[in-house]
Amino acid sequence: MPAQPPKPNAIFRQPTPEEAELYLRRAELAALRSTLARHEVTLARLRSQLHSFEARYIRQVGVLYVQLDEWNDRIAELNNPAIATTPSPESPTPQPTQPPTPPLDLKALFREVAKRIHPDFALNARDERHRTHLMAQANEAFLRADADLLHRMLHGHDLPLTTTDPAAELARTLTHIAEVQNDILALDAELNALTHSDMADLRHRTTLAATEGRDLLAELAAQVKGRIGLAMRRYELDQGRIRRKEAAFNPDPLLTAEASTPPTKVKLRHLRTPRR
């Protein structure tokens, strides 16, 4: 049943300055949390897009660079046998990346946060929207295993004003505002770094090339394959020279097919596999 409008002659308590400021700061905190949730969604979307493109780059181009590096290593070892006898630290074999399994205490912490902020417990439509934003924020924190943020949400969620000390509540709310502002700055910094990364730049150039009917990754792969062929030919020439015990020479003038501009190579972690 909807609440009846107050009678004209009803007497209401005028809020104190601390209470009025507290309500304003809580509204500011809710807006900041909504902004944080939107930024987290944007960052998660960009991460997913770059991860998908990186997987495509590795399949088409990255594995070819591994082969090229291996042939270059063989050439170096052939011309300098001391390199082959020098032990080198092995790179870890790349494993499929899977999201880490959150620890049990993180799951319990997330459940406690969800009990307090779940939209099913909303008092009205505005409260439901606010709780929905908080749940999105909590879900993202859980996936990142960000226990600190979940702790802050657990102990800092805005409940209806029942405290008898508005000044203390105001101080606590101001602290939460500063924390959320710092979280937004950190997300923006990461978003900016990803946006201007080498992988993002290559993805953008690949998209532009596609509008012209070109497959940029296929073009890069063809160039790397050509360099692999040149490296294999150089290895054969060096093997023949060594068998004939001839002096070292530079076969580069013979390898005129190599393009003057090398193809784009994006730095990837744990891509190169150790030679057996």
C-alpha atoms as a PDB file:
ATOM      1  CA  MET A   1       0.000   0.000   0.000  1.00  0.00           C
ATOM      2  CA  PRO A   2       1.576   3.345  -1.002  1.00  0.00           C
ATOM      3  CA  ALA A   3       2.540   5.683   1.792  1.00  0.00           C
ATOM      4  CA  GLN A   4       0.082   8.473   2.513  1.00  0.00           C
ATOM      5  CA  PRO A   5       1.306  12.026   1.969  1.00  0.00           C
ATOM      6  CA  PRO A   6       2.107  13.826   5.226  1.00  0.00           C
ATOM      7  CA  LYS A   7      -0.546  16.036   6.722  1.00  0.00           C
ATOM      8  CA  PRO A   8       0.070  19.754   6.379  1.00  0.00           C
ATOM      9  CA  ASN A   9       0.080  20.248  10.124  1.00  0.00           C
ATOM     10  CA  ALA A  10       2.542  17.387  10.808  1.00  0.00           C
ATOM     11  CA  ILE A  11       5.789  18.329  12.546  1.00  0.00           C
ATOM     12  CA  PHE A  12       9.058  16.978  11.088  1.00  0.00           C
ATOM     13  CA  ARG A  13      12.520  17.125  12.587  1.00  0.00           C
ATOM     14  CA  GLN A  14      14.864  19.330  10.599  1.00  0.00           C
ATOM     15  CA  PRO A  15      18.052  17.362   9.746  1.00  0.00           C
ATOM     16  CA  THR A  16      21.258  18.624  11.298  1.00  0.00           C
ATOM     17  CA  PRO A  17      24.024  19.975   9.041  1.00  0.00           C
ATOM     18  CA  GLU A  18      25.993  16.727   9.520  1.00  0.00           C
ATOM     19  CA  GLU A  19      22.981  14.633   8.470  1.00  0.00           C
ATOM     20  CA  ALA A  20      22.326  16.808   5.424  1.00  0.00           C
ATOM     21  CA  GLU A  21      25.988  16.580   4.404  1.00  0.00           C
ATOM     22  CA  LEU A  22      25.933  12.827   4.993  1.00  0.00           C
ATOM     23  CA  TYR A  23      23.002  12.308   2.630  1.00  0.00           C
ATOM     24  CA  LEU A  24      24.772  14.355  -0.061  1.00  0.00           C
ATOM     25  CA  ARG A  25      28.022  12.424   0.376  1.00  0.00           C
ATOM     26  CA  ARG A  26      26.185   9.108   0.213  1.00  0.00           C
ATOM     27  CA  ALA A  27      24.638  10.163  -3.076  1.00  0.00           C
ATOM     28  CA  GLU A  28      28.124  11.099  -4.312  1.00  0.00           C
ATOM     29  CA  LEU A  29      29.467   7.709  -3.200  1.00  0.00           C
ATOM     30  CA  ALA A  30      26.656   5.887  -5.015  1.00  0.00           C
ATOM     31  CA  ALA A  31      27.421   7.816  -8.219  1.00  0.00           C
ATOM     32  CA  LEU A  32      31.137   7.043  -7.919  1.00  0.00           C
ATOM     33  CA  ARG A  33      30.420   3.356  -7.416  1.00  0.00           C
ATOM     34  CA  SER A  34      28.253   3.371 -10.522  1.00  0.00           C
ATOM     35  CA  THR A  35      31.102   5.006 -12.458  1.00  0.00           C
ATOM     36  CA  LEU A  36      33.525   2.418 -11.105  1.00  0.00           C
ATOM     37  CA  ALA A  37      31.230  -0.407 -12.203  1.00  0.00           C
ATOM     38  CA  ARG A  38      30.972   1.028 -15.729  1.00  0.00           C
ATOM     39  CA  HIS A  39      34.757   1.405 -15.988  1.00  0.00           C
ATOM     40  CA  GLU A  40      35.246  -2.170 -14.811  1.00  0.00           C
ATOM     41  CA  VAL A  41      32.853  -3.410 -17.498  1.00  0.00           C
ATOM     42  CA  THR A  42      34.747  -1.385 -20.141  1.00  0.00           C
ATOM     43  CA  LEU A  43      38.085  -2.732 -18.959  1.00  0.00           C
ATOM     44  CA  ALA A  44      36.835  -6.318 -18.882  1.00  0.00           C
ATOM     45  CA  ARG A  45      35.491  -5.951 -22.435  1.00  0.00           C
ATOM     46  CA  LEU A  46      38.816  -4.572 -23.720  1.00  0.00           C
ATOM     47  CA  ARG A  47      40.755  -7.338 -21.978  1.00  0.00           C
ATOM     48  CA  SER A  48      38.549  -9.935 -23.623  1.00  0.00           C
ATOM     49  CA  GLN A  49      38.928  -8.361 -27.074  1.00  0.00           C
ATOM     50  CA  LEU A  50      42.717  -8.129 -26.812  1.00  0.00           C
ATOM     51  CA  HIS A  51      42.979 -11.664 -25.448  1.00  0.00           C
ATOM     52  CA  SER A  52      40.973 -13.001 -28.395  1.00  0.00           C
ATOM     53  CA  PHE A  53      43.064 -11.040 -30.904  1.00  0.00           C
ATOM     54  CA  GLU A  54      46.313 -12.108 -29.234  1.00  0.00           C
ATOM     55  CA  ALA A  55      45.300 -15.760 -29.560  1.00  0.00           C
ATOM     56  CA  ARG A  56      44.676 -15.200 -33.274  1.00  0.00           C
ATOM     57  CA  TYR A  57      48.035 -13.424 -33.649  1.00  0.00           C
ATOM     58  CA  ILE A  58      49.861 -16.308 -31.937  1.00  0.00           C
ATOM     59  CA  ARG A  59      48.198 -18.876 -34.199  1.00  0.00           C
ATOM     60  CA  GLN A  60      48.973 -17.001 -37.424  1.00  0.00           C
ATOM     61  CA  VAL A  61      52.212 -15.122 -36.729  1.00  0.00           C
ATOM     62  CA  GLY A  62      53.603 -15.808 -33.271  1.00  0.00           C
ATOM     63  CA  VAL A  63      54.341 -19.496 -33.842  1.00  0.00           C
ATOM     64  CA  LEU A  64      56.271 -18.557 -36.986  1.00  0.00           C
ATOM     65  CA  TYR A  65      58.468 -16.190 -34.998  1.00  0.00           C
ATOM     66  CA  VAL A  66      59.242 -19.119 -32.685  1.00  0.00           C
ATOM     67  CA  GLN A  67      60.446 -21.116 -35.680  1.00  0.00           C
ATOM     68  CA  LEU A  68      62.466 -18.158 -36.965  1.00  0.00           C
ATOM     69  CA  ASP A  69      64.158 -17.721 -33.585  1.00  0.00           C
ATOM     70  CA  GLU A  70      64.993 -21.426 -33.485  1.00  0.00           C
ATOM     71  CA  TRP A  71      66.665 -21.290 -36.900  1.00  0.00           C
ATOM     72  CA  ASN A  72      68.603 -18.181 -35.890  1.00  0.00           C
ATOM     73  CA  ASP A  73      69.747 -20.024 -32.767  1.00  0.00           C
ATOM     74  CA  ARG A  74      70.890 -22.957 -34.890  1.00  0.00           C
ATOM     75  CA  ILE A  75      72.877 -20.624 -37.120  1.00  0.00           C
ATOM     76  CA  ALA A  76      74.502 -19.002 -34.086  1.00  0.00           C
ATOM     77  CA  GLU A  77      75.378 -22.393 -32.575  1.00  0.00           C
ATOM     78  CA  LEU A  78      76.753 -23.617 -35.874  1.00  0.00           C
ATOM     79  CA  ASN A  79      79.109 -20.650 -36.161  1.00  0.00           C
ATOM     80  CA  ASN A  80      80.001 -20.593 -32.464  1.00  0.00           C
ATOM     81  CA  PRO A  81      79.990 -24.109 -30.951  1.00  0.00           C
ATOM     82  CA  ALA A  82      80.652 -22.669 -27.483  1.00  0.00           C
ATOM     83  CA  ILE A  83      77.066 -21.415 -27.433  1.00  0.00           C
ATOM     84  CA  ALA A  84      75.703 -24.965 -27.686  1.00  0.00           C
ATOM     85  CA  THR A  85      77.731 -26.119 -24.678  1.00  0.00           C
ATOM     86  CA  THR A  86      76.732 -23.176 -22.492  1.00  0.00           C
ATOM     87  CA  PRO A  87      73.671 -24.094 -20.444  1.00  0.00           C
ATOM     88  CA  SER A  88      70.896 -21.557 -20.691  1.00  0.00           C
ATOM     89  CA  PRO A  89      67.889 -21.262 -18.413  1.00  0.00           C
ATOM     90  CA  GLU A  90      64.908 -22.941 -19.956  1.00  0.00           C
ATOM     91  CA  SER A  91      61.822 -20.931 -20.578  1.00  0.00           C
ATOM     92  CA  PRO A  92      58.665 -22.363 -19.114  1.00  0.00           C
ATOM     93  CA  THR A  93      56.531 -24.305 -21.539  1.00  0.00           C
ATOM     94  CA  PRO A  94      53.477 -22.195 -22.315  1.00  0.00           C
ATOM     95  CA  GLN A  95      50.342 -23.546 -20.739  1.00  0.00           C
ATOM     96  CA  PRO A  96      46.753 -22.648 -21.545  1.00  0.00           C
ATOM     97  CA  THR A  97      45.796 -19.643 -19.481  1.00  0.00           C
ATOM     98  CA  GLN A  98      42.896 -20.317 -17.170  1.00  0.00           C
ATOM     99  CA  PRO A  99      41.443 -18.003 -14.562  1.00  0.00           C
ATOM    100  CA  PRO A 100      42.800 -18.916 -11.143  1.00  0.00           C
ATOM    101  CA  THR A 101      40.454 -20.710  -8.782  1.00  0.00           C
ATOM    102  CA  PRO A 102      39.584 -18.279  -5.986  1.00  0.00           C
ATOM    103  CA  PRO A 103      40.501 -19.473  -2.496  1.00  0.00           C
ATOM    104  CA  LEU A 104      37.767 -20.674  -0.190  1.00  0.00           C
ATOM    105  CA  ASP A 105      37.991 -17.629   2.083  1.00  0.00           C
ATOM    106  CA  LEU A 106      37.479 -15.364  -0.951  1.00  0.00           C
ATOM    107  CA  LYS A 107      34.340 -17.297  -1.860  1.00  0.00           C
ATOM    108  CA  ALA A 108      33.042 -16.936   1.697  1.00  0.00           C
ATOM    109  CA  LEU A 109      33.833 -13.217   1.634  1.00  0.00           C
ATOM    110  CA  PHE A 110      31.981 -12.809  -1.655  1.00  0.00           C
ATOM    111  CA  ARG A 111      28.947 -14.639  -0.277  1.00  0.00           C
ATOM    112  CA  GLU A 112      28.856 -12.334   2.745  1.00  0.00           C
ATOM    113  CA  VAL A 113      29.037  -9.269   0.510  1.00  0.00           C
ATOM    114  CA  ALA A 114      26.271 -10.636  -1.723  1.00  0.00           C
ATOM    115  CA  LYS A 115      24.027 -11.191   1.296  1.00  0.00           C
ATOM    116  CA  ARG A 116      24.240  -7.488   2.125  1.00  0.00           C
ATOM    117  CA  ILE A 117      24.044  -5.911  -1.332  1.00  0.00           C
ATOM    118  CA  HIS A 118      21.951  -8.333  -3.401  1.00  0.00           C
ATOM    119  CA  PRO A 119      19.254  -6.516  -5.432  1.00  0.00           C
ATOM    120  CA  ASP A 120      16.592  -8.908  -4.071  1.00  0.00           C
ATOM    121  CA  PHE A 121      16.820  -7.034  -0.770  1.00  0.00           C
ATOM    122  CA  ALA A 122      16.177  -3.624  -2.323  1.00  0.00           C
ATOM    123  CA  LEU A 123      13.646  -1.352  -0.646  1.00  0.00           C
ATOM    124  CA  ASN A 124      12.708   0.535  -3.815  1.00  0.00           C
ATOM    125  CA  ALA A 125      13.636   0.936  -7.476  1.00  0.00           C
ATOM    126  CA  ARG A 126      16.448   3.384  -6.759  1.00  0.00           C
ATOM    127  CA  ASP A 127      17.937   1.088  -4.142  1.00  0.00           C
ATOM    128  CA  GLU A 128      17.679  -1.833  -6.585  1.00  0.00           C
ATOM    129  CA  ARG A 129      19.675   0.058  -9.236  1.00  0.00           C
ATOM    130  CA  HIS A 130      22.296   0.950  -6.656  1.00  0.00           C
ATOM    131  CA  ARG A 131      22.569  -2.652  -5.449  1.00  0.00           C
ATOM    132  CA  THR A 132      22.790  -3.912  -9.039  1.00  0.00           C
ATOM    133  CA  HIS A 133      25.819  -1.696  -9.645  1.00  0.00           C
ATOM    134  CA  LEU A 134      27.374  -2.934  -6.416  1.00  0.00           C
ATOM    135  CA  MET A 135      26.835  -6.564  -7.409  1.00  0.00           C
ATOM    136  CA  ALA A 136      28.580  -5.941 -10.740  1.00  0.00           C
ATOM    137  CA  GLN A 137      31.465  -4.401  -8.841  1.00  0.00           C
ATOM    138  CA  ALA A 138      31.588  -7.351  -6.415  1.00  0.00           C
ATOM    139  CA  ASN A 139      31.513  -9.898  -9.251  1.00  0.00           C
ATOM    140  CA  GLU A 140      34.443  -8.205 -10.979  1.00  0.00           C
ATOM    141  CA  ALA A 141      36.380  -8.041  -7.687  1.00  0.00           C
ATOM    142  CA  PHE A 142      35.736 -11.754  -7.149  1.00  0.00           C
ATOM    143  CA  LEU A 143      37.046 -12.641 -10.617  1.00  0.00           C
ATOM    144  CA  ARG A 144      40.166 -10.545  -9.960  1.00  0.00           C
ATOM    145  CA  ALA A 145      40.544 -12.125  -6.493  1.00  0.00           C
ATOM    146  CA  ASP A 146      40.507  -8.594  -5.065  1.00  0.00           C
ATOM    147  CA  ALA A 147      39.866  -9.414  -1.408  1.00  0.00           C
ATOM    148  CA  ASP A 148      40.642  -5.845  -0.303  1.00  0.00           C
ATOM    149  CA  LEU A 149      37.806  -4.396  -2.362  1.00  0.00           C
ATOM    150  CA  LEU A 150      35.393  -7.073  -1.133  1.00  0.00           C
ATOM    151  CA  HIS A 151      36.369  -6.306   2.470  1.00  0.00           C
ATOM    152  CA  ARG A 152      35.708  -2.620   1.885  1.00  0.00           C
ATOM    153  CA  MET A 153      32.344  -3.435   0.344  1.00  0.00           C
ATOM    154  CA  LEU A 154      31.470  -5.727   3.230  1.00  0.00           C
ATOM    155  CA  HIS A 155      32.251  -3.147   5.891  1.00  0.00           C
ATOM    156  CA  GLY A 156      31.398  -0.058   3.923  1.00  0.00           C
ATOM    157  CA  HIS A 157      28.075  -0.803   2.275  1.00  0.00           C
ATOM    158  CA  ASP A 158      25.602   2.001   2.876  1.00  0.00           C
ATOM    159  CA  LEU A 159      22.754   0.876   5.059  1.00  0.00           C
ATOM    160  CA  PRO A 160      19.827   3.086   6.038  1.00  0.00           C
ATOM    161  CA  LEU A 161      20.888   5.884   8.337  1.00  0.00           C
ATOM    162  CA  THR A 162      20.296   4.579  11.857  1.00  0.00           C
ATOM    163  CA  THR A 163      23.434   5.779  13.567  1.00  0.00           C
ATOM    164  CA  THR A 164      23.203   8.284  16.362  1.00  0.00           C
ATOM    165  CA  ASP A 165      26.584   9.742  15.373  1.00  0.00           C
ATOM    166  CA  PRO A 166      26.206  11.342  11.913  1.00  0.00           C
ATOM    167  CA  ALA A 167      29.680  12.876  12.185  1.00  0.00           C
ATOM    168  CA  ALA A 168      31.280   9.422  12.423  1.00  0.00           C
ATOM    169  CA  GLU A 169      29.165   8.161   9.525  1.00  0.00           C
ATOM    170  CA  LEU A 170      30.180  11.197   7.478  1.00  0.00           C
ATOM    171  CA  ALA A 171      33.867  10.544   8.136  1.00  0.00           C
ATOM    172  CA  ARG A 172      33.448   6.894   7.144  1.00  0.00           C
ATOM    173  CA  THR A 173      31.611   7.850   3.953  1.00  0.00           C
ATOM    174  CA  LEU A 174      34.324  10.340   3.000  1.00  0.00           C
ATOM    175  CA  THR A 175      36.889   7.567   3.430  1.00  0.00           C
ATOM    176  CA  HIS A 176      34.918   5.318   1.089  1.00  0.00           C
ATOM    177  CA  ILE A 177      34.649   8.133  -1.455  1.00  0.00           C
ATOM    178  CA  ALA A 178      38.434   8.514  -1.470  1.00  0.00           C
ATOM    179  CA  GLU A 179      38.900   4.738  -1.857  1.00  0.00           C
ATOM    180  CA  VAL A 180      36.488   4.496  -4.796  1.00  0.00           C
ATOM    181  CA  GLN A 181      38.128   7.514  -6.459  1.00  0.00           C
ATOM    182  CA  ASN A 182      41.505   5.768  -6.165  1.00  0.00           C
ATOM    183  CA  ASP A 183      40.008   2.581  -7.643  1.00  0.00           C
ATOM    184  CA  ILE A 184      38.664   4.581 -10.594  1.00  0.00           C
ATOM    185  CA  LEU A 185      42.079   6.176 -11.183  1.00  0.00           C
ATOM    186  CA  ALA A 186      43.761   2.745 -11.104  1.00  0.00           C
ATOM    187  CA  LEU A 187      41.245   1.329 -13.595  1.00  0.00           C
ATOM    188  CA  ASP A 188      41.659   4.324 -15.892  1.00  0.00           C
ATOM    189  CA  ALA A 189      45.453   3.924 -15.821  1.00  0.00           C
ATOM    190  CA  GLU A 190      45.183   0.238 -16.744  1.00  0.00           C
ATOM    191  CA  LEU A 191      42.625   0.998 -19.450  1.00  0.00           C
ATOM    192  CA  ASN A 192      44.905   3.663 -20.918  1.00  0.00           C
ATOM    193  CA  ALA A 193      47.896   1.294 -20.867  1.00  0.00           C
ATOM    194  CA  LEU A 194      45.951  -1.437 -22.664  1.00  0.00           C
ATOM    195  CA  THR A 195      44.517   1.010 -25.197  1.00  0.00           C
ATOM    196  CA  HIS A 196      48.016   2.183 -26.176  1.00  0.00           C
ATOM    197  CA  SER A 197      49.699  -1.241 -26.027  1.00  0.00           C
ATOM    198  CA  ASP A 198      51.432  -2.844 -29.027  1.00  0.00           C
ATOM    199  CA  MET A 199      48.738  -5.487 -29.259  1.00  0.00           C
ATOM    200  CA  ALA A 200      45.963  -2.876 -29.292  1.00  0.00           C
ATOM    201  CA  ASP A 201      47.800  -0.929 -32.008  1.00  0.00           C
ATOM    202  CA  LEU A 202      48.220  -4.051 -34.151  1.00  0.00           C
ATOM    203  CA  ARG A 203      44.568  -4.944 -33.626  1.00  0.00           C
ATOM    204  CA  HIS A 204      43.564  -1.446 -34.767  1.00  0.00           C
ATOM    205  CA  ARG A 205      45.758  -1.656 -37.885  1.00  0.00           C
ATOM    206  CA  THR A 206      44.379  -5.118 -38.645  1.00  0.00           C
ATOM    207  CA  THR A 207      40.851  -3.748 -38.443  1.00  0.00           C
ATOM    208  CA  LEU A 208      41.705  -0.857 -40.792  1.00  0.00           C
ATOM    209  CA  ALA A 209      43.321  -3.270 -43.246  1.00  0.00           C
ATOM    210  CA  ALA A 210      40.193  -5.444 -43.201  1.00  0.00           C
ATOM    211  CA  THR A 211      38.147  -2.439 -44.392  1.00  0.00           C
ATOM    212  CA  GLU A 212      40.439  -2.386 -47.435  1.00  0.00           C
ATOM    213  CA  GLY A 213      39.936  -6.093 -48.085  1.00  0.00           C
ATOM    214  CA  ARG A 214      43.358  -7.077 -46.696  1.00  0.00           C
ATOM    215  CA  ASP A 215      44.311  -9.632 -44.046  1.00  0.00           C
ATOM    216  CA  LEU A 216      47.192  -7.937 -42.251  1.00  0.00           C
ATOM    217  CA  LEU A 217      48.039 -10.970 -40.116  1.00  0.00           C
ATOM    218  CA  ALA A 218      48.204 -13.185 -43.187  1.00  0.00           C
ATOM    219  CA  GLU A 219      50.576 -10.656 -44.792  1.00  0.00           C
ATOM    220  CA  LEU A 220      52.790 -10.640 -41.690  1.00  0.00           C
ATOM    221  CA  ALA A 221      52.771 -14.444 -41.606  1.00  0.00           C
ATOM    222  CA  ALA A 222      53.895 -14.587 -45.245  1.00  0.00           C
ATOM    223  CA  GLN A 223      56.791 -12.233 -44.517  1.00  0.00           C
ATOM    224  CA  VAL A 224      57.930 -14.284 -41.516  1.00  0.00           C
ATOM    225  CA  LYS A 225      57.715 -17.491 -43.566  1.00  0.00           C
ATOM    226  CA  GLY A 226      60.001 -15.859 -46.130  1.00  0.00           C
ATOM    227  CA  ARG A 227      62.501 -14.990 -43.397  1.00  0.00           C
ATOM    228  CA  ILE A 228      62.343 -18.588 -42.140  1.00  0.00           C
ATOM    229  CA  GLY A 229      63.190 -19.810 -45.645  1.00  0.00           C
ATOM    230  CA  LEU A 230      66.139 -17.418 -45.782  1.00  0.00           C
ATOM    231  CA  ALA A 231      67.363 -18.609 -42.383  1.00  0.00           C
ATOM    232  CA  MET A 232      67.118 -22.245 -43.472  1.00  0.00           C
ATOM    233  CA  ARG A 233      69.123 -21.447 -46.635  1.00  0.00           C
ATOM    234  CA  ARG A 234      71.747 -19.608 -44.598  1.00  0.00           C
ATOM    235  CA  TYR A 235      72.023 -22.591 -42.267  1.00  0.00           C
ATOM    236  CA  GLU A 236      72.652 -24.888 -45.257  1.00  0.00           C
ATOM    237  CA  LEU A 237      75.315 -22.518 -46.630  1.00  0.00           C
ATOM    238  CA  ASP A 238      77.060 -22.377 -43.258  1.00  0.00           C
ATOM    239  CA  GLN A 239      76.962 -26.168 -42.940  1.00  0.00           C
ATOM    240  CA  GLY A 240      78.604 -26.555 -46.354  1.00  0.00           C
ATOM    241  CA  ARG A 241      81.256 -23.986 -45.532  1.00  0.00           C
ATOM    242  CA  ILE A 242      82.095 -25.741 -42.272  1.00  0.00           C
ATOM    243  CA  ARG A 243      82.329 -29.155 -43.978  1.00  0.00           C
ATOM    244  CA  ARG A 244      84.684 -27.668 -46.555  1.00  0.00           C
ATOM    245  CA  LYS A 245      86.600 -25.912 -43.731  1.00  0.00           C
ATOM    246  CA  GLU A 246      86.310 -22.616 -45.511  1.00  0.00           C
ATOM    247  CA  ALA A 247      86.657 -19.243 -43.835  1.00  0.00           C
ATOM    248  CA  ALA A 248      83.500 -17.612 -42.598  1.00  0.00           C
ATOM    249  CA  PHE A 249      81.737 -15.329 -45.020  1.00  0.00           C
ATOM    250  CA  ASN A 250      78.653 -13.177 -45.041  1.00  0.00           C
ATOM    251  CA  PRO A 251      75.963 -14.724 -47.246  1.00  0.00           C
ATOM    252  CA  ASP A 252      73.602 -11.774 -46.905  1.00  0.00           C
ATOM    253  CA  PRO A 253      74.290 -10.469 -50.453  1.00  0.00           C
ATOM    254  CA  LEU A 254      73.180 -13.862 -51.751  1.00  0.00           C
ATOM    255  CA  LEU A 255      69.907 -13.675 -49.906  1.00  0.00           C
ATOM    256  CA  THR A 256      68.418 -10.861 -51.928  1.00  0.00           C
ATOM    257  CA  ALA A 257      64.844 -12.042 -51.532  1.00  0.00           C
ATOM    258  CA  GLU A 258      64.584 -10.783 -47.971  1.00  0.00           C
ATOM    259  CA  ALA A 259      62.322  -7.776 -47.623  1.00  0.00           C
ATOM    260  CA  SER A 260      63.995  -4.528 -46.628  1.00  0.00           C
ATOM    261  CA  THR A 261      61.388  -3.853 -43.921  1.00  0.00           C
ATOM    262  CA  PRO A 262      60.905  -6.661 -41.369  1.00  0.00           C
ATOM    263  CA  PRO A 263      57.324  -7.563 -40.441  1.00  0.00           C
ATOM    264  CA  THR A 264      55.742  -6.420 -37.234  1.00  0.00           C
ATOM    265  CA  LYS A 265      56.622  -8.474 -34.198  1.00  0.00           C
ATOM    266  CA  VAL A 266      54.616  -8.015 -31.028  1.00  0.00           C
ATOM    267  CA  LYS A 267      56.259  -8.920 -27.763  1.00  0.00           C
ATOM    268  CA  LEU A 268      54.571 -11.903 -26.137  1.00  0.00           C
ATOM    269  CA  ARG A 269      55.318 -13.532 -22.816  1.00  0.00           C
ATOM    270  CA  HIS A 270      56.107 -17.264 -22.582  1.00  0.00           C
ATOM    271  CA  LEU A 271      55.662 -17.759 -26.311  1.00  0.00           C
ATOM    272  CA  ARG A 272      59.027 -19.231 -27.171  1.00  0.00           C
ATOM    273  CA  THR A 273      59.441 -22.900 -26.332  1.00  0.00           C
ATOM    274  CA  PRO A 274      62.795 -24.358 -25.200  1.00  0.00           C
ATOM    275  CA  ARG A 275      64.730 -26.444 -27.682  1.00  0.00           C
ATOM    276  CA  ARG A 276      65.053 -30.076 -26.767  1.00  0.00           C
END
